[in-house]
C-alpha atoms as a PDB file:
ATOM      1  CA  MET A   1     135.274  71.762 134.555  1.00  0.00           C
ATOM      2  CA  VAL A   2     137.447  68.816 135.045  1.00  0.00           C
ATOM      3  CA  PRO A   3     140.373  70.047 138.041  1.00  0.00           C
ATOM      4  CA  VAL A   4     143.627  69.675 136.452  1.00  0.00           C
ATOM      5  CA  GLU A   5     146.452  70.140 138.164  1.00  0.00           C
ATOM      6  CA  GLY A   6     150.220  69.896 136.489  1.00  0.00           C
ATOM      7  CA  ALA A   7     150.140  70.228 132.698  1.00  0.00           C
ATOM      8  CA  GLY A   8     151.024  66.943 132.614  1.00  0.00           C
ATOM      9  CA  PHE A   9     147.697  66.077 131.287  1.00  0.00           C
ATOM     10  CA  ALA A  10     147.789  68.606 128.520  1.00  0.00           C
ATOM     11  CA  LEU A  11     151.206  67.036 127.392  1.00  0.00           C
ATOM     12  CA  THR A  12     150.181  63.029 127.176  1.00  0.00           C
ATOM     13  CA  ILE A  13     146.793  64.451 125.440  1.00  0.00           C
ATOM     14  CA  LEU A  14     149.028  67.160 122.808  1.00  0.00           C
ATOM     15  CA  ILE A  15     151.300  63.573 122.569  1.00  0.00           C
ATOM     16  CA  TYR A  16     149.129  61.386 122.117  1.00  0.00           C
ATOM     17  CA  PHE A  17     146.857  62.337 119.305  1.00  0.00           C
ATOM     18  CA  GLY A  18     149.778  64.691 117.551  1.00  0.00           C
ATOM     19  CA  GLY A  19     151.196  60.830 117.826  1.00  0.00           C
ATOM     20  CA  LEU A  20     147.901  59.905 115.543  1.00  0.00           C
ATOM     21  CA  PHE A  21     148.361  62.635 113.357  1.00  0.00           C
ATOM     22  CA  ALA A  22     151.727  61.865 112.356  1.00  0.00           C
ATOM     23  CA  ALA A  23     150.863  58.251 111.618  1.00  0.00           C
ATOM     24  CA  SER A  24     147.826  58.655 109.372  1.00  0.00           C
ATOM     25  CA  LYS A  25     149.705  61.182 107.777  1.00  0.00           C
ATOM     26  CA  ILE A  26     152.972  59.552 106.964  1.00  0.00           C
ATOM     27  CA  SER A  27     150.214  56.702 105.887  1.00  0.00           C
ATOM     28  CA  LEU A  28     148.973  58.825 103.191  1.00  0.00           C
ATOM     29  CA  PHE A  29     152.480  59.784 102.001  1.00  0.00           C
ATOM     30  CA  PHE A  30     153.863  56.555 101.492  1.00  0.00           C
ATOM     31  CA  GLY A  31     149.874  55.344  99.927  1.00  0.00           C
ATOM     32  CA  ILE A  32     149.748  52.228 102.905  1.00  0.00           C
ATOM     33  CA  GLN A  33     146.402  50.605 101.740  1.00  0.00           C
ATOM     34  CA  HIS A  34     143.037  51.066 104.265  1.00  0.00           C
ATOM     35  CA  LYS A  35     144.032  47.716 105.978  1.00  0.00           C
ATOM     36  CA  THR A  36     147.332  48.285 107.086  1.00  0.00           C
ATOM     37  CA  GLN A  37     146.323  51.523 108.067  1.00  0.00           C
ATOM     38  CA  VAL A  38     143.773  50.241 110.642  1.00  0.00           C
ATOM     39  CA  LEU A  39     146.711  48.005 111.461  1.00  0.00           C
ATOM     40  CA  LEU A  40     148.777  50.108 112.142  1.00  0.00           C
ATOM     41  CA  LEU A  41     145.804  53.021 114.363  1.00  0.00           C
ATOM     42  CA  ILE A  42     145.783  50.075 116.749  1.00  0.00           C
ATOM     43  CA  VAL A  43     150.350  49.273 116.626  1.00  0.00           C
ATOM     44  CA  VAL A  44     150.503  52.648 117.507  1.00  0.00           C
ATOM     45  CA  HIS A  45     147.254  53.882 119.848  1.00  0.00           C
ATOM     46  CA  PHE A  46     149.343  50.699 121.631  1.00  0.00           C
ATOM     47  CA  ALA A  47     152.471  52.310 121.705  1.00  0.00           C
ATOM     48  CA  LEU A  48     151.669  55.737 122.383  1.00  0.00           C
ATOM     49  CA  SER A  49     148.898  54.743 125.490  1.00  0.00           C
ATOM     50  CA  ALA A  50     152.760  52.953 126.751  1.00  0.00           C
ATOM     51  CA  LEU A  51     154.355  55.886 126.027  1.00  0.00           C
ATOM     52  CA  ASN A  52     152.388  58.132 127.863  1.00  0.00           C
ATOM     53  CA  TYR A  53     151.514  55.979 130.816  1.00  0.00           C
ATOM     54  CA  MET A  54     156.205  56.203 131.408  1.00  0.00           C
ATOM     55  CA  LEU A  55     155.214  59.840 131.346  1.00  0.00           C
ATOM     56  CA  ALA A  56     153.383  59.802 133.813  1.00  0.00           C
ATOM     57  CA  ARG A  57     155.515  57.752 135.895  1.00  0.00           C
ATOM     58  CA  THR A  58     158.646  59.795 134.813  1.00  0.00           C
ATOM     59  CA  LEU A  59     156.829  62.796 136.112  1.00  0.00           C
ATOM     60  CA  ASN A  60     155.354  61.960 139.055  1.00  0.00           C
ATOM     61  CA  LYS A  61     157.948  59.522 140.360  1.00  0.00           C
ATOM     62  CA  LYS A  62     158.535  61.834 143.110  1.00  0.00           C
ATOM     63  CA  GLU A  63     155.971  63.542 144.770  1.00  0.00           C
ATOM     64  CA  VAL A  64     152.353  63.485 143.188  1.00  0.00           C
ATOM     65  CA  ARG A  65     151.920  66.619 141.334  1.00  0.00           C
ATOM     66  CA  HIS A  66     149.865  66.400 138.143  1.00  0.00           C
ATOM     67  CA  THR A  67     146.596  65.403 139.025  1.00  0.00           C
ATOM     68  CA  VAL A  68     142.763  64.997 136.599  1.00  0.00           C
ATOM     69  CA  ALA A  69     139.665  64.791 139.107  1.00  0.00           C
ATOM     70  CA  GLY A  70     142.180  63.849 142.254  1.00  0.00           C
ATOM     71  CA  LEU A  71     143.067  61.026 140.070  1.00  0.00           C
ATOM     72  CA  ARG A  72     147.445  60.648 139.078  1.00  0.00           C
ATOM     73  CA  LEU A  73     147.896  60.421 136.268  1.00  0.00           C
ATOM     74  CA  GLU A  74     148.869  56.835 134.868  1.00  0.00           C
ATOM     75  CA  LYS A  75     145.039  56.135 136.251  1.00  0.00           C
ATOM     76  CA  VAL A  76     143.188  58.782 134.148  1.00  0.00           C
ATOM     77  CA  ILE A  77     145.911  57.440 131.376  1.00  0.00           C
ATOM     78  CA  LEU A  78     144.821  53.613 131.673  1.00  0.00           C
ATOM     79  CA  PHE A  79     141.121  54.543 131.664  1.00  0.00           C
ATOM     80  CA  LEU A  80     141.306  56.096 128.511  1.00  0.00           C
ATOM     81  CA  THR A  81     143.822  53.596 127.501  1.00  0.00           C
ATOM     82  CA  LEU A  82     140.952  51.655 128.075  1.00  0.00           C
ATOM     83  CA  ILE A  83     137.821  53.341 126.245  1.00  0.00           C
ATOM     84  CA  PHE A  84     139.578  53.518 123.167  1.00  0.00           C
ATOM     85  CA  THR A  85     140.818  50.679 122.548  1.00  0.00           C
ATOM     86  CA  PRO A  86     138.023  48.669 122.160  1.00  0.00           C
ATOM     87  CA  LEU A  87     136.708  51.815 120.058  1.00  0.00           C
ATOM     88  CA  ILE A  88     139.456  51.146 117.677  1.00  0.00           C
ATOM     89  CA  LEU A  89     139.058  47.867 117.830  1.00  0.00           C
ATOM     90  CA  MET A  90     135.629  47.846 117.084  1.00  0.00           C
ATOM     91  CA  MET A  91     137.679  49.705 113.896  1.00  0.00           C
ATOM     92  CA  ILE A  92     139.458  46.487 112.871  1.00  0.00           C
ATOM     93  CA  TYR A  93     136.888  43.354 113.039  1.00  0.00           C
ATOM     94  CA  LYS A  94     134.674  45.521 110.620  1.00  0.00           C
ATOM     95  CA  GLU A  95     137.601  46.649 108.699  1.00  0.00           C
ATOM     96  CA  PHE A  96     138.559  42.567 108.229  1.00  0.00           C
ATOM     97  CA  PHE A  97     134.932  40.985 109.464  1.00  0.00           C
ATOM     98  CA  GLY A  98     132.588  43.026 109.057  1.00  0.00           C
END
């Protein structure tokens, strides 16, 4: 089990996956084409990652209260962004060039 201090990690995970879920439902509601949905995914990914990073910086502004496995929440958010970005880029590459 990974030790988590503070509720910031749960909040950022909720915002990220909730935002992706909302973007998928909105694209289905408006009937957006599949290729446009894939491009929307990368835009929403970067927007939510930036929002989560700013939120983590704000939560740890005065003192470090939100950590994951002893690391500051901001560093964990950047690490997860670096993990998810190549996966999303591979989806885009496969959609447009595969």
